[in-house]
Amino acid sequence: NYSAAMRFLREVDSASVMVNASTRFADGFEYGLGAEIGISTDKI
């Protein structure tokens, strides 16, 4: 459901929000960053 997916993306207050994909993709390598120094849940 497109509308449900868009609502989830907008309203879930997380650093990474996904539609029809595994949470295991939350990784700098998988995001094309080459690597990651870490994952931040800060907002600034």
PDB file of all heavy atoms in Angstrom:
ATOM      1  N   ASN A   1       0.847  -1.195   0.000  1.00  0.00           N
ATOM      2  CA  ASN A   1       0.000   0.000   0.000  1.00  0.00           C
ATOM      3  C   ASN A   1       0.887   1.251   0.000  1.00  0.00           C
ATOM      4  O   ASN A   1       1.606   1.509   0.966  1.00  0.00           O
ATOM      5  CB  ASN A   1      -0.908  -0.026   1.237  1.00  0.00           C
ATOM      6  CG  ASN A   1      -1.897   1.123   1.267  1.00  0.00           C
ATOM      7  OD1 ASN A   1      -1.523   2.282   1.161  1.00  0.00           O
ATOM      8  ND2 ASN A   1      -3.169   0.795   1.436  1.00  0.00           N
ATOM      9  N   TYR A   2       0.818   2.017  -1.077  1.00  0.00           N
ATOM     10  CA  TYR A   2       1.684   3.197  -1.219  1.00  0.00           C
ATOM     11  C   TYR A   2       1.451   4.213  -0.113  1.00  0.00           C
ATOM     12  O   TYR A   2       2.401   4.741   0.484  1.00  0.00           O
ATOM     13  CB  TYR A   2       1.438   3.851  -2.582  1.00  0.00           C
ATOM     14  CG  TYR A   2       2.203   5.143  -2.791  1.00  0.00           C
ATOM     15  CD1 TYR A   2       3.528   5.134  -3.218  1.00  0.00           C
ATOM     16  CD2 TYR A   2       1.596   6.378  -2.561  1.00  0.00           C
ATOM     17  CE1 TYR A   2       4.234   6.318  -3.401  1.00  0.00           C
ATOM     18  CE2 TYR A   2       2.287   7.565  -2.738  1.00  0.00           C
ATOM     19  CZ  TYR A   2       3.605   7.531  -3.162  1.00  0.00           C
ATOM     20  OH  TYR A   2       4.289   8.705  -3.329  1.00  0.00           O
ATOM     21  N   SER A   3       0.184   4.477   0.198  1.00  0.00           N
ATOM     22  CA  SER A   3      -0.125   5.476   1.220  1.00  0.00           C
ATOM     23  C   SER A   3       0.398   5.050   2.586  1.00  0.00           C
ATOM     24  O   SER A   3       0.937   5.867   3.347  1.00  0.00           O
ATOM     25  CB  SER A   3      -1.636   5.712   1.287  1.00  0.00           C
ATOM     26  OG  SER A   3      -2.109   6.252   0.074  1.00  0.00           O
ATOM     27  N   ALA A   4       0.261   3.759   2.905  1.00  0.00           N
ATOM     28  CA  ALA A   4       0.780   3.256   4.182  1.00  0.00           C
ATOM     29  C   ALA A   4       2.298   3.381   4.230  1.00  0.00           C
ATOM     30  O   ALA A   4       2.873   3.777   5.257  1.00  0.00           O
ATOM     31  CB  ALA A   4       0.355   1.803   4.384  1.00  0.00           C
ATOM     32  N   ALA A   5       2.954   3.059   3.127  1.00  0.00           N
ATOM     33  CA  ALA A   5       4.414   3.165   3.075  1.00  0.00           C
ATOM     34  C   ALA A   5       4.862   4.605   3.297  1.00  0.00           C
ATOM     35  O   ALA A   5       5.798   4.871   4.068  1.00  0.00           O
ATOM     36  CB  ALA A   5       4.922   2.650   1.726  1.00  0.00           C
ATOM     37  N   MET A   6       4.202   5.556   2.628  1.00  0.00           N
ATOM     38  CA  MET A   6       4.588   6.961   2.767  1.00  0.00           C
ATOM     39  C   MET A   6       4.320   7.471   4.183  1.00  0.00           C
ATOM     40  O   MET A   6       5.102   8.241   4.738  1.00  0.00           O
ATOM     41  CB  MET A   6       3.822   7.816   1.751  1.00  0.00           C
ATOM     42  CG  MET A   6       4.238   7.598   0.309  1.00  0.00           C
ATOM     43  SD  MET A   6       6.009   7.927  -0.002  1.00  0.00           S
ATOM     44  CE  MET A   6       6.645   6.255  -0.078  1.00  0.00           C
ATOM     45  N   ARG A   7       3.216   7.030   4.782  1.00  0.00           N
ATOM     46  CA  ARG A   7       2.925   7.443   6.160  1.00  0.00           C
ATOM     47  C   ARG A   7       3.991   6.909   7.115  1.00  0.00           C
ATOM     48  O   ARG A   7       4.458   7.618   8.005  1.00  0.00           O
ATOM     49  CB  ARG A   7       1.543   6.946   6.585  1.00  0.00           C
ATOM     50  CG  ARG A   7       1.182   7.355   7.998  1.00  0.00           C
ATOM     51  CD  ARG A   7      -0.174   6.828   8.436  1.00  0.00           C
ATOM     52  NE  ARG A   7      -0.418   7.179   9.834  1.00  0.00           N
ATOM     53  CZ  ARG A   7      -1.447   6.733  10.551  1.00  0.00           C
ATOM     54  NH1 ARG A   7      -2.341   5.922   9.993  1.00  0.00           N
ATOM     55  NH2 ARG A   7      -1.578   7.098  11.809  1.00  0.00           N
ATOM     56  N   PHE A   8       4.381   5.659   6.926  1.00  0.00           N
ATOM     57  CA  PHE A   8       5.415   5.047   7.767  1.00  0.00           C
ATOM     58  C   PHE A   8       6.731   5.816   7.631  1.00  0.00           C
ATOM     59  O   PHE A   8       7.393   6.133   8.627  1.00  0.00           O
ATOM     60  CB  PHE A   8       5.593   3.588   7.348  1.00  0.00           C
ATOM     61  CG  PHE A   8       6.368   2.752   8.323  1.00  0.00           C
ATOM     62  CD1 PHE A   8       5.739   2.160   9.407  1.00  0.00           C
ATOM     63  CD2 PHE A   8       7.724   2.520   8.144  1.00  0.00           C
ATOM     64  CE1 PHE A   8       6.440   1.360  10.303  1.00  0.00           C
ATOM     65  CE2 PHE A   8       8.442   1.720   9.023  1.00  0.00           C
ATOM     66  CZ  PHE A   8       7.796   1.142  10.108  1.00  0.00           C
ATOM     67  N   LEU A   9       7.108   6.153   6.404  1.00  0.00           N
ATOM     68  CA  LEU A   9       8.350   6.901   6.178  1.00  0.00           C
ATOM     69  C   LEU A   9       8.318   8.263   6.865  1.00  0.00           C
ATOM     70  O   LEU A   9       9.317   8.705   7.437  1.00  0.00           O
ATOM     71  CB  LEU A   9       8.592   7.083   4.678  1.00  0.00           C
ATOM     72  CG  LEU A   9       8.947   5.838   3.867  1.00  0.00           C
ATOM     73  CD1 LEU A   9       9.028   6.180   2.378  1.00  0.00           C
ATOM     74  CD2 LEU A   9      10.269   5.234   4.330  1.00  0.00           C
ATOM     75  N   ARG A  10       7.171   8.923   6.798  1.00  0.00           N
ATOM     76  CA  ARG A  10       7.055  10.264   7.380  1.00  0.00           C
ATOM     77  C   ARG A  10       7.025  10.238   8.906  1.00  0.00           C
ATOM     78  O   ARG A  10       7.638  11.083   9.560  1.00  0.00           O
ATOM     79  CB  ARG A  10       5.776  10.954   6.880  1.00  0.00           C
ATOM     80  CG  ARG A  10       5.831  11.464   5.469  1.00  0.00           C
ATOM     81  CD  ARG A  10       4.640  12.410   5.208  1.00  0.00           C
ATOM     82  NE  ARG A  10       3.363  11.806   5.614  1.00  0.00           N
ATOM     83  CZ  ARG A  10       2.601  11.073   4.806  1.00  0.00           C
ATOM     84  NH1 ARG A  10       2.974  10.844   3.565  1.00  0.00           N
ATOM     85  NH2 ARG A  10       1.445  10.580   5.243  1.00  0.00           N
ATOM     86  N   GLU A  11       6.295   9.282   9.483  1.00  0.00           N
ATOM     87  CA  GLU A  11       5.957   9.369  10.904  1.00  0.00           C
ATOM     88  C   GLU A  11       6.852   8.574  11.836  1.00  0.00           C
ATOM     89  O   GLU A  11       6.896   8.864  13.033  1.00  0.00           O
ATOM     90  CB  GLU A  11       4.495   8.953  11.114  1.00  0.00           C
ATOM     91  CG  GLU A  11       3.508   9.882  10.422  1.00  0.00           C
ATOM     92  CD  GLU A  11       2.059   9.508  10.704  1.00  0.00           C
ATOM     93  OE1 GLU A  11       1.797   8.838  11.730  1.00  0.00           O
ATOM     94  OE2 GLU A  11       1.186   9.880   9.881  1.00  0.00           O
ATOM     95  N   VAL A  12       7.561   7.573  11.343  1.00  0.00           N
ATOM     96  CA  VAL A  12       8.461   6.818  12.217  1.00  0.00           C
ATOM     97  C   VAL A  12       9.712   7.659  12.457  1.00  0.00           C
ATOM     98  O   VAL A  12      10.404   8.068  11.513  1.00  0.00           O
ATOM     99  CB  VAL A  12       8.824   5.450  11.608  1.00  0.00           C
ATOM    100  CG1 VAL A  12       9.943   4.790  12.398  1.00  0.00           C
ATOM    101  CG2 VAL A  12       7.595   4.555  11.600  1.00  0.00           C
ATOM    102  N   ASP A  13       9.998   7.918  13.724  1.00  0.00           N
ATOM    103  CA  ASP A  13      11.071   8.840  14.103  1.00  0.00           C
ATOM    104  C   ASP A  13      12.388   8.080  14.286  1.00  0.00           C
ATOM    105  O   ASP A  13      12.895   7.927  15.394  1.00  0.00           O
ATOM    106  CB  ASP A  13      10.680   9.560  15.403  1.00  0.00           C
ATOM    107  CG  ASP A  13      11.695  10.627  15.808  1.00  0.00           C
ATOM    108  OD1 ASP A  13      12.477  11.061  14.950  1.00  0.00           O
ATOM    109  OD2 ASP A  13      11.697  11.007  17.005  1.00  0.00           O
ATOM    110  N   SER A  14      12.936   7.587  13.174  1.00  0.00           N
ATOM    111  CA  SER A  14      14.163   6.806  13.238  1.00  0.00           C
ATOM    112  C   SER A  14      15.158   7.297  12.198  1.00  0.00           C
ATOM    113  O   SER A  14      14.791   7.946  11.220  1.00  0.00           O
ATOM    114  CB  SER A  14      13.876   5.318  13.024  1.00  0.00           C
ATOM    115  OG  SER A  14      13.088   4.820  14.090  1.00  0.00           O
ATOM    116  N   ALA A  15      16.426   6.947  12.418  1.00  0.00           N
ATOM    117  CA  ALA A  15      17.489   7.407  11.529  1.00  0.00           C
ATOM    118  C   ALA A  15      17.396   6.772  10.145  1.00  0.00           C
ATOM    119  O   ALA A  15      17.745   7.391   9.147  1.00  0.00           O
ATOM    120  CB  ALA A  15      18.855   7.105  12.154  1.00  0.00           C
ATOM    121  N   SER A  16      16.945   5.519  10.084  1.00  0.00           N
ATOM    122  CA  SER A  16      16.695   4.844   8.806  1.00  0.00           C
ATOM    123  C   SER A  16      15.303   4.224   8.858  1.00  0.00           C
ATOM    124  O   SER A  16      14.966   3.533   9.818  1.00  0.00           O
ATOM    125  CB  SER A  16      17.720   3.735   8.560  1.00  0.00           C
ATOM    126  OG  SER A  16      18.998   4.258   8.288  1.00  0.00           O
ATOM    127  N   VAL A  17      14.516   4.489   7.832  1.00  0.00           N
ATOM    128  CA  VAL A  17      13.162   3.929   7.744  1.00  0.00           C
ATOM    129  C   VAL A  17      13.040   3.252   6.380  1.00  0.00           C
ATOM    130  O   VAL A  17      13.399   3.839   5.356  1.00  0.00           O
ATOM    131  CB  VAL A  17      12.085   5.014   7.918  1.00  0.00           C
ATOM    132  CG1 VAL A  17      10.697   4.372   7.969  1.00  0.00           C
ATOM    133  CG2 VAL A  17      12.324   5.828   9.186  1.00  0.00           C
ATOM    134  N   MET A  18      12.534   2.019   6.362  1.00  0.00           N
ATOM    135  CA  MET A  18      12.587   1.196   5.159  1.00  0.00           C
ATOM    136  C   MET A  18      11.214   0.686   4.762  1.00  0.00           C
ATOM    137  O   MET A  18      10.355   0.462   5.625  1.00  0.00           O
ATOM    138  CB  MET A  18      13.512   0.001   5.400  1.00  0.00           C
ATOM    139  CG  MET A  18      14.925   0.405   5.813  1.00  0.00           C
ATOM    140  SD  MET A  18      16.003  -1.004   6.014  1.00  0.00           S
ATOM    141  CE  MET A  18      17.588  -0.166   6.187  1.00  0.00           C
ATOM    142  N   VAL A  19      11.048   0.486   3.473  1.00  0.00           N
ATOM    143  CA  VAL A  19       9.834  -0.108   2.929  1.00  0.00           C
ATOM    144  C   VAL A  19      10.229  -1.365   2.158  1.00  0.00           C
ATOM    145  O   VAL A  19      11.058  -1.305   1.235  1.00  0.00           O
ATOM    146  CB  VAL A  19       9.098   0.872   1.994  1.00  0.00           C
ATOM    147  CG1 VAL A  19       7.875   0.199   1.370  1.00  0.00           C
ATOM    148  CG2 VAL A  19       8.687   2.132   2.747  1.00  0.00           C
ATOM    149  N   ASN A  20       9.674  -2.500   2.556  1.00  0.00           N
ATOM    150  CA  ASN A  20       9.897  -3.778   1.869  1.00  0.00           C
ATOM    151  C   ASN A  20      11.381  -4.125   1.718  1.00  0.00           C
ATOM    152  O   ASN A  20      11.839  -4.555   0.649  1.00  0.00           O
ATOM    153  CB  ASN A  20       9.205  -3.769   0.492  1.00  0.00           C
ATOM    154  CG  ASN A  20       7.698  -3.645   0.602  1.00  0.00           C
ATOM    155  OD1 ASN A  20       7.103  -4.070   1.592  1.00  0.00           O
ATOM    156  ND2 ASN A  20       7.065  -3.047  -0.402  1.00  0.00           N
ATOM    157  N   ALA A  21      12.132  -3.925   2.779  1.00  0.00           N
ATOM    158  CA  ALA A  21      13.551  -4.279   2.788  1.00  0.00           C
ATOM    159  C   ALA A  21      13.962  -4.608   4.217  1.00  0.00           C
ATOM    160  O   ALA A  21      13.378  -4.112   5.183  1.00  0.00           O
ATOM    161  CB  ALA A  21      14.403  -3.138   2.238  1.00  0.00           C
ATOM    162  N   SER A  22      14.985  -5.437   4.339  1.00  0.00           N
ATOM    163  CA  SER A  22      15.460  -5.866   5.656  1.00  0.00           C
ATOM    164  C   SER A  22      16.186  -4.747   6.381  1.00  0.00           C
ATOM    165  O   SER A  22      16.934  -3.970   5.771  1.00  0.00           O
ATOM    166  CB  SER A  22      16.406  -7.061   5.479  1.00  0.00           C
ATOM    167  OG  SER A  22      17.092  -7.355   6.677  1.00  0.00           O
ATOM    168  N   THR A  23      15.999  -4.684   7.694  1.00  0.00           N
ATOM    169  CA  THR A  23      16.718  -3.701   8.514  1.00  0.00           C
ATOM    170  C   THR A  23      18.234  -3.912   8.448  1.00  0.00           C
ATOM    171  O   THR A  23      18.995  -2.999   8.756  1.00  0.00           O
ATOM    172  CB  THR A  23      16.282  -3.795   9.990  1.00  0.00           C
ATOM    173  OG1 THR A  23      16.536  -5.124  10.487  1.00  0.00           O
ATOM    174  CG2 THR A  23      14.803  -3.468  10.141  1.00  0.00           C
ATOM    175  N   ARG A  24      18.673  -5.091   8.035  1.00  0.00           N
ATOM    176  CA  ARG A  24      20.104  -5.378   7.950  1.00  0.00           C
ATOM    177  C   ARG A  24      20.802  -4.505   6.902  1.00  0.00           C
ATOM    178  O   ARG A  24      22.029  -4.422   6.880  1.00  0.00           O
ATOM    179  CB  ARG A  24      20.318  -6.863   7.634  1.00  0.00           C
ATOM    180  CG  ARG A  24      19.946  -7.786   8.757  1.00  0.00           C
ATOM    181  CD  ARG A  24      21.027  -7.825   9.844  1.00  0.00           C
ATOM    182  NE  ARG A  24      22.224  -8.459   9.323  1.00  0.00           N
ATOM    183  CZ  ARG A  24      23.434  -7.917   9.351  1.00  0.00           C
ATOM    184  NH1 ARG A  24      23.626  -6.729   9.876  1.00  0.00           N
ATOM    185  NH2 ARG A  24      24.471  -8.553   8.852  1.00  0.00           N
ATOM    186  N   PHE A  25      20.043  -3.839   6.039  1.00  0.00           N
ATOM    187  CA  PHE A  25      20.645  -2.940   5.060  1.00  0.00           C
ATOM    188  C   PHE A  25      21.117  -1.616   5.673  1.00  0.00           C
ATOM    189  O   PHE A  25      21.774  -0.829   4.993  1.00  0.00           O
ATOM    190  CB  PHE A  25      19.665  -2.643   3.923  1.00  0.00           C
ATOM    191  CG  PHE A  25      19.565  -3.736   2.894  1.00  0.00           C
ATOM    192  CD1 PHE A  25      18.399  -4.474   2.771  1.00  0.00           C
ATOM    193  CD2 PHE A  25      20.626  -4.029   2.060  1.00  0.00           C
ATOM    194  CE1 PHE A  25      18.292  -5.489   1.829  1.00  0.00           C
ATOM    195  CE2 PHE A  25      20.542  -5.037   1.109  1.00  0.00           C
ATOM    196  CZ  PHE A  25      19.372  -5.773   0.993  1.00  0.00           C
ATOM    197  N   ALA A  26      20.776  -1.354   6.926  1.00  0.00           N
ATOM    198  CA  ALA A  26      21.182  -0.086   7.570  1.00  0.00           C
ATOM    199  C   ALA A  26      22.672  -0.146   7.900  1.00  0.00           C
ATOM    200  O   ALA A  26      23.083  -0.447   9.018  1.00  0.00           O
ATOM    201  CB  ALA A  26      20.357   0.166   8.826  1.00  0.00           C
ATOM    202  N   ASP A  27      23.466   0.166   6.910  1.00  0.00           N
ATOM    203  CA  ASP A  27      24.908  -0.007   7.008  1.00  0.00           C
ATOM    204  C   ASP A  27      25.557   0.904   5.968  1.00  0.00           C
ATOM    205  O   ASP A  27      25.064   1.005   4.833  1.00  0.00           O
ATOM    206  CB  ASP A  27      25.242  -1.483   6.734  1.00  0.00           C
ATOM    207  CG  ASP A  27      26.720  -1.763   6.664  1.00  0.00           C
ATOM    208  OD1 ASP A  27      27.311  -2.019   7.722  1.00  0.00           O
ATOM    209  OD2 ASP A  27      27.279  -1.720   5.558  1.00  0.00           O
ATOM    210  N   GLY A  28      26.658   1.561   6.354  1.00  0.00           N
ATOM    211  CA  GLY A  28      27.307   2.485   5.432  1.00  0.00           C
ATOM    212  C   GLY A  28      27.757   1.832   4.141  1.00  0.00           C
ATOM    213  O   GLY A  28      27.668   2.420   3.056  1.00  0.00           O
ATOM    214  N   PHE A  29      28.253   0.600   4.223  1.00  0.00           N
ATOM    215  CA  PHE A  29      28.695  -0.128   3.030  1.00  0.00           C
ATOM    216  C   PHE A  29      27.513  -0.337   2.091  1.00  0.00           C
ATOM    217  O   PHE A  29      27.603  -0.080   0.888  1.00  0.00           O
ATOM    218  CB  PHE A  29      29.305  -1.465   3.454  1.00  0.00           C
ATOM    219  CG  PHE A  29      29.953  -2.238   2.336  1.00  0.00           C
ATOM    220  CD1 PHE A  29      31.272  -2.003   1.980  1.00  0.00           C
ATOM    221  CD2 PHE A  29      29.252  -3.211   1.650  1.00  0.00           C
ATOM    222  CE1 PHE A  29      31.877  -2.714   0.955  1.00  0.00           C
ATOM    223  CE2 PHE A  29      29.842  -3.937   0.623  1.00  0.00           C
ATOM    224  CZ  PHE A  29      31.161  -3.682   0.274  1.00  0.00           C
ATOM    225  N   GLU A  30      26.374  -0.791   2.635  1.00  0.00           N
ATOM    226  CA  GLU A  30      25.193  -1.041   1.813  1.00  0.00           C
ATOM    227  C   GLU A  30      24.582   0.254   1.274  1.00  0.00           C
ATOM    228  O   GLU A  30      23.940   0.251   0.223  1.00  0.00           O
ATOM    229  CB  GLU A  30      24.146  -1.816   2.616  1.00  0.00           C
ATOM    230  CG  GLU A  30      24.574  -3.222   3.003  1.00  0.00           C
ATOM    231  CD  GLU A  30      24.635  -4.181   1.826  1.00  0.00           C
ATOM    232  OE1 GLU A  30      24.126  -3.829   0.742  1.00  0.00           O
ATOM    233  OE2 GLU A  30      25.195  -5.281   1.982  1.00  0.00           O
ATOM    234  N   TYR A  31      24.775   1.358   1.986  1.00  0.00           N
ATOM    235  CA  TYR A  31      24.244   2.647   1.537  1.00  0.00           C
ATOM    236  C   TYR A  31      25.148   3.330   0.511  1.00  0.00           C
ATOM    237  O   TYR A  31      24.847   4.428   0.049  1.00  0.00           O
ATOM    238  CB  TYR A  31      24.056   3.584   2.735  1.00  0.00           C
ATOM    239  CG  TYR A  31      22.824   3.315   3.585  1.00  0.00           C
ATOM    240  CD1 TYR A  31      22.073   2.166   3.451  1.00  0.00           C
ATOM    241  CD2 TYR A  31      22.426   4.244   4.550  1.00  0.00           C
ATOM    242  CE1 TYR A  31      20.963   1.927   4.240  1.00  0.00           C
ATOM    243  CE2 TYR A  31      21.311   4.019   5.355  1.00  0.00           C
ATOM    244  CZ  TYR A  31      20.585   2.859   5.190  1.00  0.00           C
ATOM    245  OH  TYR A  31      19.485   2.628   5.981  1.00  0.00           O
ATOM    246  N   GLY A  32      26.278   2.713   0.184  1.00  0.00           N
ATOM    247  CA  GLY A  32      27.181   3.297  -0.791  1.00  0.00           C
ATOM    248  C   GLY A  32      28.129   4.330  -0.213  1.00  0.00           C
ATOM    249  O   GLY A  32      28.724   5.119  -0.958  1.00  0.00           O
ATOM    250  N   LEU A  33      28.283   4.327   1.118  1.00  0.00           N
ATOM    251  CA  LEU A  33      29.200   5.271   1.759  1.00  0.00           C
ATOM    252  C   LEU A  33      30.627   4.733   1.781  1.00  0.00           C
ATOM    253  O   LEU A  33      31.539   5.412   2.221  1.00  0.00           O
ATOM    254  CB  LEU A  33      28.755   5.560   3.198  1.00  0.00           C
ATOM    255  CG  LEU A  33      27.318   6.048   3.389  1.00  0.00           C
ATOM    256  CD1 LEU A  33      27.043   6.315   4.859  1.00  0.00           C
ATOM    257  CD2 LEU A  33      27.035   7.284   2.560  1.00  0.00           C
ATOM    258  N   GLY A  34      30.829   3.502   1.295  1.00  0.00           N
ATOM    259  CA  GLY A  34      32.140   2.872   1.320  1.00  0.00           C
ATOM    260  C   GLY A  34      32.335   2.124   2.611  1.00  0.00           C
ATOM    261  O   GLY A  34      32.696   0.961   2.634  1.00  0.00           O
ATOM    262  N   ALA A  35      32.113   2.793   3.676  1.00  0.00           N
ATOM    263  CA  ALA A  35      32.166   2.224   5.029  1.00  0.00           C
ATOM    264  C   ALA A  35      31.447   3.227   5.912  1.00  0.00           C
ATOM    265  O   ALA A  35      30.981   4.260   5.435  1.00  0.00           O
ATOM    266  CB  ALA A  35      33.603   2.005   5.472  1.00  0.00           C
ATOM    267  N   GLU A  36      31.353   2.942   7.184  1.00  0.00           N
ATOM    268  CA  GLU A  36      30.724   3.892   8.087  1.00  0.00           C
ATOM    269  C   GLU A  36      31.556   4.016   9.348  1.00  0.00           C
ATOM    270  O   GLU A  36      32.211   3.067   9.776  1.00  0.00           O
ATOM    271  CB  GLU A  36      29.302   3.461   8.440  1.00  0.00           C
ATOM    272  CG  GLU A  36      29.266   2.188   9.269  1.00  0.00           C
ATOM    273  CD  GLU A  36      27.866   1.719   9.607  1.00  0.00           C
ATOM    274  OE1 GLU A  36      26.958   1.945   8.800  1.00  0.00           O
ATOM    275  OE2 GLU A  36      27.702   1.103  10.676  1.00  0.00           O
ATOM    276  N   ILE A  37      31.531   5.197   9.917  1.00  0.00           N
ATOM    277  CA  ILE A  37      32.215   5.408  11.186  1.00  0.00           C
ATOM    278  C   ILE A  37      31.332   4.943  12.333  1.00  0.00           C
ATOM    279  O   ILE A  37      31.795   4.672  13.444  1.00  0.00           O
ATOM    280  CB  ILE A  37      32.582   6.898  11.361  1.00  0.00           C
ATOM    281  CG1 ILE A  37      33.734   7.081  12.344  1.00  0.00           C
ATOM    282  CG2 ILE A  37      31.391   7.726  11.781  1.00  0.00           C
ATOM    283  CD1 ILE A  37      35.069   6.733  11.786  1.00  0.00           C
ATOM    284  N   GLY A  38      30.043   4.822  12.069  1.00  0.00           N
ATOM    285  CA  GLY A  38      29.073   4.419  13.075  1.00  0.00           C
ATOM    286  C   GLY A  38      27.692   4.827  12.610  1.00  0.00           C
ATOM    287  O   GLY A  38      27.521   5.351  11.505  1.00  0.00           O
ATOM    288  N   ILE A  39      26.705   4.571  13.434  1.00  0.00           N
ATOM    289  CA  ILE A  39      25.332   4.979  13.143  1.00  0.00           C
ATOM    290  C   ILE A  39      24.882   5.930  14.238  1.00  0.00           C
ATOM    291  O   ILE A  39      25.049   5.651  15.423  1.00  0.00           O
ATOM    292  CB  ILE A  39      24.403   3.762  13.054  1.00  0.00           C
ATOM    293  CG1 ILE A  39      24.749   2.943  11.798  1.00  0.00           C
ATOM    294  CG2 ILE A  39      22.944   4.178  13.035  1.00  0.00           C
ATOM    295  CD1 ILE A  39      23.906   1.712  11.601  1.00  0.00           C
ATOM    296  N   SER A  40      24.346   7.051  13.821  1.00  0.00           N
ATOM    297  CA  SER A  40      23.915   8.067  14.779  1.00  0.00           C
ATOM    298  C   SER A  40      22.401   8.129  14.845  1.00  0.00           C
ATOM    299  O   SER A  40      21.721   8.157  13.816  1.00  0.00           O
ATOM    300  CB  SER A  40      24.466   9.443  14.369  1.00  0.00           C
ATOM    301  OG  SER A  40      23.899  10.460  15.177  1.00  0.00           O
ATOM    302  N   THR A  41      21.878   8.155  16.069  1.00  0.00           N
ATOM    303  CA  THR A  41      20.442   8.401  16.248  1.00  0.00           C
ATOM    304  C   THR A  41      20.194   9.823  16.735  1.00  0.00           C
ATOM    305  O   THR A  41      19.073  10.171  17.090  1.00  0.00           O
ATOM    306  CB  THR A  41      19.834   7.387  17.236  1.00  0.00           C
ATOM    307  OG1 THR A  41      20.584   7.393  18.453  1.00  0.00           O
ATOM    308  CG2 THR A  41      19.857   5.987  16.654  1.00  0.00           C
ATOM    309  N   ASP A  42      21.258  10.633  16.760  1.00  0.00           N
ATOM    310  CA  ASP A  42      21.098  12.046  17.080  1.00  0.00           C
ATOM    311  C   ASP A  42      20.395  12.750  15.922  1.00  0.00           C
ATOM    312  O   ASP A  42      20.331  12.236  14.801  1.00  0.00           O
ATOM    313  CB  ASP A  42      22.455  12.706  17.327  1.00  0.00           C
ATOM    314  CG  ASP A  42      23.103  12.243  18.620  1.00  0.00           C
ATOM    315  OD1 ASP A  42      22.371  11.824  19.532  1.00  0.00           O
ATOM    316  OD2 ASP A  42      24.346  12.287  18.711  1.00  0.00           O
ATOM    317  N   LYS A  43      19.910  13.959  16.170  1.00  0.00           N
ATOM    318  CA  LYS A  43      19.214  14.702  15.123  1.00  0.00           C
ATOM    319  C   LYS A  43      19.995  15.925  14.652  1.00  0.00           C
ATOM    320  O   LYS A  43      19.580  16.600  13.717  1.00  0.00           O
ATOM    321  CB  LYS A  43      17.827  15.129  15.615  1.00  0.00           C
ATOM    322  CG  LYS A  43      16.923  13.941  15.923  1.00  0.00           C
ATOM    323  CD  LYS A  43      15.539  14.378  16.317  1.00  0.00           C
ATOM    324  CE  LYS A  43      14.661  13.171  16.618  1.00  0.00           C
ATOM    325  NZ  LYS A  43      13.279  13.560  16.983  1.00  0.00           N
ATOM    326  N   ILE A  44      21.104  16.195  15.297  1.00  0.00           N
ATOM    327  CA  ILE A  44      21.911  17.353  14.922  1.00  0.00           C
ATOM    328  C   ILE A  44      23.201  16.873  14.288  1.00  0.00           C
ATOM    329  O   ILE A  44      23.865  15.971  14.801  1.00  0.00           O
ATOM    330  CB  ILE A  44      22.205  18.237  16.150  1.00  0.00           C
ATOM    331  CG1 ILE A  44      20.891  18.801  16.716  1.00  0.00           C
ATOM    332  CG2 ILE A  44      23.155  19.378  15.807  1.00  0.00           C
ATOM    333  CD1 ILE A  44      21.049  19.594  17.978  1.00  0.00           C
TER     334      ILE A  44
END
